[in-house]
Amino acid sequence: MPRTTPPTTLTVRLNETLNAFVAANVGDEGSYENVSEYVRDLIRRDKERVERERFDRLKAELVHAFHAPEETYQPLTAAQVISRNRD
């Protein structure tokens, strides 16, 4: 069973422009019930963006690898692959 971490409370300072933008997106006139819901959605979307970018990089590497001439292939161990990808 995965370990869960307790909820974290964050304090964020916003200038007037950003505060007005958040206020316009929260409450009766906005898309979100409260600021917490809005921030959680922003974080989820950013997380999805990062994961999508990683996947796109992997796809690009695979496309490149499949189009490389066969004589350029080099056998690698799992440890070598892991080591190479940590850099």
PDB file of N, CA and C in Angstrom:
ATOM      1  N   MET A   1       0.849  -1.185   0.000  1.00  0.00           N
ATOM      2  CA  MET A   1       0.000   0.000   0.000  1.00  0.00           C
ATOM      3  C   MET A   1       0.890   1.242   0.000  1.00  0.00           C
ATOM      4  N   PRO A   2       0.632   2.206  -0.915  1.00  0.00           N
ATOM      5  CA  PRO A   2       1.473   3.402  -0.972  1.00  0.00           C
ATOM      6  C   PRO A   2       1.348   4.254   0.281  1.00  0.00           C
ATOM      7  N   ARG A   3       2.465   4.842   0.652  1.00  0.00           N
ATOM      8  CA  ARG A   3       2.476   5.719   1.818  1.00  0.00           C
ATOM      9  C   ARG A   3       1.865   7.055   1.434  1.00  0.00           C
ATOM     10  N   THR A   4       0.988   7.565   2.247  1.00  0.00           N
ATOM     11  CA  THR A   4       0.373   8.864   1.972  1.00  0.00           C
ATOM     12  C   THR A   4       1.006   9.918   2.864  1.00  0.00           C
ATOM     13  N   THR A   5       1.119  11.093   2.338  1.00  0.00           N
ATOM     14  CA  THR A   5       1.635  12.199   3.123  1.00  0.00           C
ATOM     15  C   THR A   5       0.469  13.079   3.538  1.00  0.00           C
ATOM     16  N   PRO A   6       0.584  13.675   4.704  1.00  0.00           N
ATOM     17  CA  PRO A   6      -0.520  14.533   5.161  1.00  0.00           C
ATOM     18  C   PRO A   6      -0.628  15.773   4.288  1.00  0.00           C
ATOM     19  N   PRO A   7      -1.812  16.345   4.213  1.00  0.00           N
ATOM     20  CA  PRO A   7      -1.980  17.577   3.430  1.00  0.00           C
ATOM     21  C   PRO A   7      -1.045  18.672   3.934  1.00  0.00           C
ATOM     22  N   THR A   8      -0.606  19.502   3.011  1.00  0.00           N
ATOM     23  CA  THR A   8       0.293  20.603   3.337  1.00  0.00           C
ATOM     24  C   THR A   8      -0.438  21.919   3.134  1.00  0.00           C
ATOM     25  N   THR A   9      -0.229  22.834   4.037  1.00  0.00           N
ATOM     26  CA  THR A   9      -0.787  24.174   3.890  1.00  0.00           C
ATOM     27  C   THR A   9       0.312  25.082   3.361  1.00  0.00           C
ATOM     28  N   LEU A  10      -0.006  25.809   2.305  1.00  0.00           N
ATOM     29  CA  LEU A  10       0.948  26.725   1.696  1.00  0.00           C
ATOM     30  C   LEU A  10       0.453  28.156   1.849  1.00  0.00           C
ATOM     31  N   THR A  11       1.389  29.057   1.988  1.00  0.00           N
ATOM     32  CA  THR A  11       1.060  30.476   1.992  1.00  0.00           C
ATOM     33  C   THR A  11       1.691  31.085   0.756  1.00  0.00           C
ATOM     34  N   VAL A  12       0.890  31.782  -0.023  1.00  0.00           N
ATOM     35  CA  VAL A  12       1.380  32.372  -1.270  1.00  0.00           C
ATOM     36  C   VAL A  12       1.046  33.853  -1.271  1.00  0.00           C
ATOM     37  N   ARG A  13       2.049  34.661  -1.610  1.00  0.00           N
ATOM     38  CA  ARG A  13       1.816  36.105  -1.723  1.00  0.00           C
ATOM     39  C   ARG A  13       1.618  36.439  -3.190  1.00  0.00           C
ATOM     40  N   LEU A  14       0.574  37.198  -3.472  1.00  0.00           N
ATOM     41  CA  LEU A  14       0.274  37.603  -4.845  1.00  0.00           C
ATOM     42  C   LEU A  14       0.223  39.127  -4.924  1.00  0.00           C
ATOM     43  N   ASN A  15       0.700  39.650  -6.046  1.00  0.00           N
ATOM     44  CA  ASN A  15       0.542  41.087  -6.238  1.00  0.00           C
ATOM     45  C   ASN A  15      -0.913  41.351  -6.635  1.00  0.00           C
ATOM     46  N   GLU A  16      -1.273  42.619  -6.769  1.00  0.00           N
ATOM     47  CA  GLU A  16      -2.672  42.969  -7.044  1.00  0.00           C
ATOM     48  C   GLU A  16      -3.189  42.356  -8.340  1.00  0.00           C
ATOM     49  N   THR A  17      -2.352  42.361  -9.369  1.00  0.00           N
ATOM     50  CA  THR A  17      -2.766  41.838 -10.672  1.00  0.00           C
ATOM     51  C   THR A  17      -3.086  40.345 -10.592  1.00  0.00           C
ATOM     52  N   LEU A  18      -2.174  39.579  -9.976  1.00  0.00           N
ATOM     53  CA  LEU A  18      -2.404  38.139  -9.852  1.00  0.00           C
ATOM     54  C   LEU A  18      -3.573  37.841  -8.926  1.00  0.00           C
ATOM     55  N   ASN A  19      -3.695  38.612  -7.847  1.00  0.00           N
ATOM     56  CA  ASN A  19      -4.805  38.424  -6.919  1.00  0.00           C
ATOM     57  C   ASN A  19      -6.148  38.649  -7.621  1.00  0.00           C
ATOM     58  N   ALA A  20      -6.208  39.683  -8.440  1.00  0.00           N
ATOM     59  CA  ALA A  20      -7.447  39.966  -9.180  1.00  0.00           C
ATOM     60  C   ALA A  20      -7.750  38.833 -10.164  1.00  0.00           C
ATOM     61  N   PHE A  21      -6.711  38.306 -10.802  1.00  0.00           N
ATOM     62  CA  PHE A  21      -6.906  37.201 -11.742  1.00  0.00           C
ATOM     63  C   PHE A  21      -7.448  35.971 -11.025  1.00  0.00           C
ATOM     64  N   VAL A  22      -6.870  35.650  -9.877  1.00  0.00           N
ATOM     65  CA  VAL A  22      -7.348  34.497  -9.095  1.00  0.00           C
ATOM     66  C   VAL A  22      -8.788  34.744  -8.653  1.00  0.00           C
ATOM     67  N   ALA A  23      -9.067  35.916  -8.154  1.00  0.00           N
ATOM     68  CA  ALA A  23     -10.416  36.237  -7.682  1.00  0.00           C
ATOM     69  C   ALA A  23     -11.443  36.100  -8.799  1.00  0.00           C
ATOM     70  N   ALA A  24     -11.059  36.445 -10.030  1.00  0.00           N
ATOM     71  CA  ALA A  24     -11.979  36.334 -11.165  1.00  0.00           C
ATOM     72  C   ALA A  24     -12.279  34.883 -11.522  1.00  0.00           C
ATOM     73  N   ASN A  25     -11.419  33.970 -11.109  1.00  0.00           N
ATOM     74  CA  ASN A  25     -11.591  32.551 -11.428  1.00  0.00           C
ATOM     75  C   ASN A  25     -12.186  31.747 -10.288  1.00  0.00           C
ATOM     76  N   VAL A  26     -12.471  32.407  -9.164  1.00  0.00           N
ATOM     77  CA  VAL A  26     -12.961  31.720  -7.970  1.00  0.00           C
ATOM     78  C   VAL A  26     -14.286  32.342  -7.534  1.00  0.00           C
ATOM     79  N   GLY A  27     -15.149  31.518  -6.984  1.00  0.00           N
ATOM     80  CA  GLY A  27     -16.407  32.017  -6.438  1.00  0.00           C
ATOM     81  C   GLY A  27     -17.544  31.921  -7.437  1.00  0.00           C
ATOM     82  N   ASP A  28     -18.596  32.670  -7.196  1.00  0.00           N
ATOM     83  CA  ASP A  28     -19.813  32.601  -8.006  1.00  0.00           C
ATOM     84  C   ASP A  28     -19.563  32.898  -9.483  1.00  0.00           C
ATOM     85  N   GLU A  29     -18.650  33.795  -9.777  1.00  0.00           N
ATOM     86  CA  GLU A  29     -18.392  34.192 -11.162  1.00  0.00           C
ATOM     87  C   GLU A  29     -17.306  33.343 -11.842  1.00  0.00           C
ATOM     88  N   GLY A  30     -16.541  32.582 -11.051  1.00  0.00           N
ATOM     89  CA  GLY A  30     -15.413  31.844 -11.600  1.00  0.00           C
ATOM     90  C   GLY A  30     -15.699  30.373 -11.829  1.00  0.00           C
ATOM     91  N   SER A  31     -14.681  29.686 -12.280  1.00  0.00           N
ATOM     92  CA  SER A  31     -14.787  28.258 -12.586  1.00  0.00           C
ATOM     93  C   SER A  31     -14.524  27.374 -11.373  1.00  0.00           C
ATOM     94  N   TYR A  32     -14.012  27.955 -10.292  1.00  0.00           N
ATOM     95  CA  TYR A  32     -13.632  27.179  -9.108  1.00  0.00           C
ATOM     96  C   TYR A  32     -14.384  27.684  -7.887  1.00  0.00           C
ATOM     97  N   GLU A  33     -14.676  26.764  -6.976  1.00  0.00           N
ATOM     98  CA  GLU A  33     -15.381  27.129  -5.750  1.00  0.00           C
ATOM     99  C   GLU A  33     -14.527  27.953  -4.812  1.00  0.00           C
ATOM    100  N   ASN A  34     -13.228  27.585  -4.733  1.00  0.00           N
ATOM    101  CA  ASN A  34     -12.337  28.286  -3.809  1.00  0.00           C
ATOM    102  C   ASN A  34     -10.912  28.289  -4.352  1.00  0.00           C
ATOM    103  N   VAL A  35     -10.053  29.057  -3.705  1.00  0.00           N
ATOM    104  CA  VAL A  35      -8.678  29.207  -4.167  1.00  0.00           C
ATOM    105  C   VAL A  35      -7.937  27.871  -4.099  1.00  0.00           C
ATOM    106  N   SER A  36      -8.176  27.083  -3.070  1.00  0.00           N
ATOM    107  CA  SER A  36      -7.494  25.796  -2.938  1.00  0.00           C
ATOM    108  C   SER A  36      -7.793  24.885  -4.122  1.00  0.00           C
ATOM    109  N   GLU A  37      -9.047  24.844  -4.519  1.00  0.00           N
ATOM    110  CA  GLU A  37      -9.435  24.027  -5.670  1.00  0.00           C
ATOM    111  C   GLU A  37      -8.717  24.507  -6.933  1.00  0.00           C
ATOM    112  N   TYR A  38      -8.634  25.813  -7.093  1.00  0.00           N
ATOM    113  CA  TYR A  38      -7.970  26.406  -8.256  1.00  0.00           C
ATOM    114  C   TYR A  38      -6.482  26.052  -8.273  1.00  0.00           C
ATOM    115  N   VAL A  39      -5.820  26.208  -7.150  1.00  0.00           N
ATOM    116  CA  VAL A  39      -4.389  25.910  -7.071  1.00  0.00           C
ATOM    117  C   VAL A  39      -4.133  24.421  -7.305  1.00  0.00           C
ATOM    118  N   ARG A  40      -4.939  23.549  -6.717  1.00  0.00           N
ATOM    119  CA  ARG A  40      -4.766  22.105  -6.948  1.00  0.00           C
ATOM    120  C   ARG A  40      -4.903  21.778  -8.426  1.00  0.00           C
ATOM    121  N   ASP A  41      -5.870  22.397  -9.096  1.00  0.00           N
ATOM    122  CA  ASP A  41      -6.045  22.149 -10.529  1.00  0.00           C
ATOM    123  C   ASP A  41      -4.836  22.638 -11.330  1.00  0.00           C
ATOM    124  N   LEU A  42      -4.316  23.802 -10.979  1.00  0.00           N
ATOM    125  CA  LEU A  42      -3.124  24.320 -11.659  1.00  0.00           C
ATOM    126  C   LEU A  42      -1.939  23.374 -11.478  1.00  0.00           C
ATOM    127  N   ILE A  43      -1.769  22.864 -10.276  1.00  0.00           N
ATOM    128  CA  ILE A  43      -0.657  21.943 -10.006  1.00  0.00           C
ATOM    129  C   ILE A  43      -0.847  20.647 -10.789  1.00  0.00           C
ATOM    130  N   ARG A  44      -2.073  20.115 -10.801  1.00  0.00           N
ATOM    131  CA  ARG A  44      -2.334  18.883 -11.568  1.00  0.00           C
ATOM    132  C   ARG A  44      -2.034  19.087 -13.050  1.00  0.00           C
ATOM    133  N   ARG A  45      -2.471  20.219 -13.595  1.00  0.00           N
ATOM    134  CA  ARG A  45      -2.225  20.494 -15.015  1.00  0.00           C
ATOM    135  C   ARG A  45      -0.729  20.621 -15.304  1.00  0.00           C
ATOM    136  N   ASP A  46      -0.006  21.252 -14.405  1.00  0.00           N
ATOM    137  CA  ASP A  46       1.439  21.386 -14.603  1.00  0.00           C
ATOM    138  C   ASP A  46       2.111  20.025 -14.521  1.00  0.00           C
ATOM    139  N   LYS A  47       1.669  19.193 -13.595  1.00  0.00           N
ATOM    140  CA  LYS A  47       2.205  17.830 -13.472  1.00  0.00           C
ATOM    141  C   LYS A  47       1.945  17.047 -14.755  1.00  0.00           C
ATOM    142  N   GLU A  48       0.746  17.150 -15.299  1.00  0.00           N
ATOM    143  CA  GLU A  48       0.415  16.475 -16.557  1.00  0.00           C
ATOM    144  C   GLU A  48       1.281  16.994 -17.703  1.00  0.00           C
ATOM    145  N   ARG A  49       1.538  18.314 -17.731  1.00  0.00           N
ATOM    146  CA  ARG A  49       2.381  18.895 -18.769  1.00  0.00           C
ATOM    147  C   ARG A  49       3.792  18.330 -18.707  1.00  0.00           C
ATOM    148  N   VAL A  50       4.346  18.245 -17.489  1.00  0.00           N
ATOM    149  CA  VAL A  50       5.695  17.717 -17.314  1.00  0.00           C
ATOM    150  C   VAL A  50       5.746  16.259 -17.765  1.00  0.00           C
ATOM    151  N   GLU A  51       4.751  15.474 -17.379  1.00  0.00           N
ATOM    152  CA  GLU A  51       4.718  14.064 -17.781  1.00  0.00           C
ATOM    153  C   GLU A  51       4.576  13.929 -19.296  1.00  0.00           C
ATOM    154  N   ARG A  52       3.770  14.777 -19.911  1.00  0.00           N
ATOM    155  CA  ARG A  52       3.592  14.750 -21.363  1.00  0.00           C
ATOM    156  C   ARG A  52       4.897  15.111 -22.072  1.00  0.00           C
ATOM    157  N   GLU A  53       5.620  16.123 -21.554  1.00  0.00           N
ATOM    158  CA  GLU A  53       6.902  16.507 -22.140  1.00  0.00           C
ATOM    159  C   GLU A  53       7.913  15.369 -22.042  1.00  0.00           C
ATOM    160  N   ARG A  54       7.952  14.682 -20.899  1.00  0.00           N
ATOM    161  CA  ARG A  54       8.859  13.539 -20.734  1.00  0.00           C
ATOM    162  C   ARG A  54       8.517  12.434 -21.725  1.00  0.00           C
ATOM    163  N   PHE A  55       7.239  12.158 -21.868  1.00  0.00           N
ATOM    164  CA  PHE A  55       6.807  11.114 -22.795  1.00  0.00           C
ATOM    165  C   PHE A  55       7.152  11.502 -24.229  1.00  0.00           C
ATOM    166  N   ASP A  56       6.954  12.760 -24.585  1.00  0.00           N
ATOM    167  CA  ASP A  56       7.286  13.230 -25.937  1.00  0.00           C
ATOM    168  C   ASP A  56       8.779  13.102 -26.213  1.00  0.00           C
ATOM    169  N   ARG A  57       9.618  13.409 -25.200  1.00  0.00           N
ATOM    170  CA  ARG A  57      11.066  13.237 -25.382  1.00  0.00           C
ATOM    171  C   ARG A  57      11.411  11.773 -25.600  1.00  0.00           C
ATOM    172  N   LEU A  58      10.781  10.893 -24.837  1.00  0.00           N
ATOM    173  CA  LEU A  58      11.008   9.455 -24.997  1.00  0.00           C
ATOM    174  C   LEU A  58      10.587   8.996 -26.388  1.00  0.00           C
ATOM    175  N   LYS A  59       9.416   9.441 -26.844  1.00  0.00           N
ATOM    176  CA  LYS A  59       8.955   9.076 -28.186  1.00  0.00           C
ATOM    177  C   LYS A  59       9.940   9.548 -29.247  1.00  0.00           C
ATOM    178  N   ALA A  60      10.443  10.769 -29.105  1.00  0.00           N
ATOM    179  CA  ALA A  60      11.398  11.306 -30.074  1.00  0.00           C
ATOM    180  C   ALA A  60      12.678  10.474 -30.089  1.00  0.00           C
ATOM    181  N   GLU A  61      13.144  10.063 -28.915  1.00  0.00           N
ATOM    182  CA  GLU A  61      14.335   9.212 -28.853  1.00  0.00           C
ATOM    183  C   GLU A  61      14.089   7.874 -29.523  1.00  0.00           C
ATOM    184  N   LEU A  62      12.914   7.300 -29.306  1.00  0.00           N
ATOM    185  CA  LEU A  62      12.599   6.006 -29.913  1.00  0.00           C
ATOM    186  C   LEU A  62      12.498   6.121 -31.426  1.00  0.00           C
ATOM    187  N   VAL A  63      11.866   7.177 -31.914  1.00  0.00           N
ATOM    188  CA  VAL A  63      11.767   7.388 -33.363  1.00  0.00           C
ATOM    189  C   VAL A  63      13.169   7.495 -33.954  1.00  0.00           C
ATOM    190  N   HIS A  64      14.020   8.276 -33.300  1.00  0.00           N
ATOM    191  CA  HIS A  64      15.400   8.433 -33.762  1.00  0.00           C
ATOM    192  C   HIS A  64      16.114   7.079 -33.759  1.00  0.00           C
ATOM    193  N   ALA A  65      15.951   6.320 -32.690  1.00  0.00           N
ATOM    194  CA  ALA A  65      16.624   5.018 -32.577  1.00  0.00           C
ATOM    195  C   ALA A  65      16.151   4.052 -33.654  1.00  0.00           C
ATOM    196  N   PHE A  66      14.861   4.023 -33.932  1.00  0.00           N
ATOM    197  CA  PHE A  66      14.335   3.082 -34.927  1.00  0.00           C
ATOM    198  C   PHE A  66      14.738   3.461 -36.350  1.00  0.00           C
ATOM    199  N   HIS A  67      15.112   4.719 -36.566  1.00  0.00           N
ATOM    200  CA  HIS A  67      15.534   5.151 -37.891  1.00  0.00           C
ATOM    201  C   HIS A  67      17.055   5.111 -38.073  1.00  0.00           C
ATOM    202  N   ALA A  68      17.785   4.795 -37.009  1.00  0.00           N
ATOM    203  CA  ALA A  68      19.245   4.735 -37.096  1.00  0.00           C
ATOM    204  C   ALA A  68      19.668   3.468 -37.838  1.00  0.00           C
ATOM    205  N   PRO A  69      20.761   3.540 -38.566  1.00  0.00           N
ATOM    206  CA  PRO A  69      21.257   2.347 -39.243  1.00  0.00           C
ATOM    207  C   PRO A  69      21.592   1.250 -38.224  1.00  0.00           C
ATOM    208  N   GLU A  70      21.318   0.021 -38.599  1.00  0.00           N
ATOM    209  CA  GLU A  70      21.504  -1.101 -37.672  1.00  0.00           C
ATOM    210  C   GLU A  70      22.940  -1.218 -37.173  1.00  0.00           C
ATOM    211  N   GLU A  71      23.922  -0.866 -38.001  1.00  0.00           N
ATOM    212  CA  GLU A  71      25.323  -0.998 -37.580  1.00  0.00           C
ATOM    213  C   GLU A  71      25.703  -0.014 -36.473  1.00  0.00           C
ATOM    214  N   THR A  72      24.844   0.966 -36.194  1.00  0.00           N
ATOM    215  CA  THR A  72      25.143   1.915 -35.114  1.00  0.00           C
ATOM    216  C   THR A  72      24.643   1.425 -33.760  1.00  0.00           C
ATOM    217  N   TYR A  73      23.874   0.342 -33.744  1.00  0.00           N
ATOM    218  CA  TYR A  73      23.363  -0.197 -32.476  1.00  0.00           C
ATOM    219  C   TYR A  73      24.500  -0.759 -31.640  1.00  0.00           C
ATOM    220  N   GLN A  74      24.421  -0.535 -30.337  1.00  0.00           N
ATOM    221  CA  GLN A  74      25.396  -1.082 -29.400  1.00  0.00           C
ATOM    222  C   GLN A  74      24.652  -1.787 -28.278  1.00  0.00           C
ATOM    223  N   PRO A  75      25.039  -3.007 -27.943  1.00  0.00           N
ATOM    224  CA  PRO A  75      24.381  -3.681 -26.828  1.00  0.00           C
ATOM    225  C   PRO A  75      24.722  -2.978 -25.507  1.00  0.00           C
ATOM    226  N   LEU A  76      23.718  -2.785 -24.688  1.00  0.00           N
ATOM    227  CA  LEU A  76      23.902  -2.151 -23.385  1.00  0.00           C
ATOM    228  C   LEU A  76      23.254  -3.000 -22.314  1.00  0.00           C
ATOM    229  N   THR A  77      23.841  -2.991 -21.127  1.00  0.00           N
ATOM    230  CA  THR A  77      23.208  -3.649 -19.990  1.00  0.00           C
ATOM    231  C   THR A  77      22.184  -2.679 -19.388  1.00  0.00           C
ATOM    232  N   ALA A  78      21.324  -3.213 -18.567  1.00  0.00           N
ATOM    233  CA  ALA A  78      20.342  -2.355 -17.892  1.00  0.00           C
ATOM    234  C   ALA A  78      21.054  -1.312 -17.038  1.00  0.00           C
ATOM    235  N   ALA A  79      22.139  -1.701 -16.382  1.00  0.00           N
ATOM    236  CA  ALA A  79      22.891  -0.765 -15.536  1.00  0.00           C
ATOM    237  C   ALA A  79      23.463   0.380 -16.369  1.00  0.00           C
ATOM    238  N   GLN A  80      23.921   0.083 -17.573  1.00  0.00           N
ATOM    239  CA  GLN A  80      24.461   1.134 -18.445  1.00  0.00           C
ATOM    240  C   GLN A  80      23.367   2.108 -18.880  1.00  0.00           C
ATOM    241  N   VAL A  81      22.209   1.594 -19.189  1.00  0.00           N
ATOM    242  CA  VAL A  81      21.096   2.449 -19.583  1.00  0.00           C
ATOM    243  C   VAL A  81      20.679   3.345 -18.436  1.00  0.00           C
ATOM    244  N   ILE A  82      20.566   2.765 -17.251  1.00  0.00           N
ATOM    245  CA  ILE A  82      20.168   3.552 -16.075  1.00  0.00           C
ATOM    246  C   ILE A  82      21.207   4.626 -15.785  1.00  0.00           C
ATOM    247  N   SER A  83      22.472   4.259 -15.844  1.00  0.00           N
ATOM    248  CA  SER A  83      23.549   5.217 -15.591  1.00  0.00           C
ATOM    249  C   SER A  83      23.536   6.347 -16.612  1.00  0.00           C
ATOM    250  N   ARG A  84      23.360   5.999 -17.870  1.00  0.00           N
ATOM    251  CA  ARG A  84      23.338   7.008 -18.935  1.00  0.00           C
ATOM    252  C   ARG A  84      22.175   7.983 -18.759  1.00  0.00           C
ATOM    253  N   ASN A  85      21.040   7.489 -18.311  1.00  0.00           N
ATOM    254  CA  ASN A  85      19.855   8.338 -18.184  1.00  0.00           C
ATOM    255  C   ASN A  85      19.834   9.157 -16.917  1.00  0.00           C
ATOM    256  N   ARG A  86      20.730   8.892 -15.990  1.00  0.00           N
ATOM    257  CA  ARG A  86      20.830   9.713 -14.773  1.00  0.00           C
ATOM    258  C   ARG A  86      21.579  11.001 -15.044  1.00  0.00           C
ATOM    259  N   ASP A  87      22.406  11.012 -16.056  1.00  0.00           N
ATOM    260  CA  ASP A  87      23.220  12.192 -16.375  1.00  0.00           C
ATOM    261  C   ASP A  87      22.415  13.284 -17.015  1.00  0.00           C
TER     262      ASP A  87
END
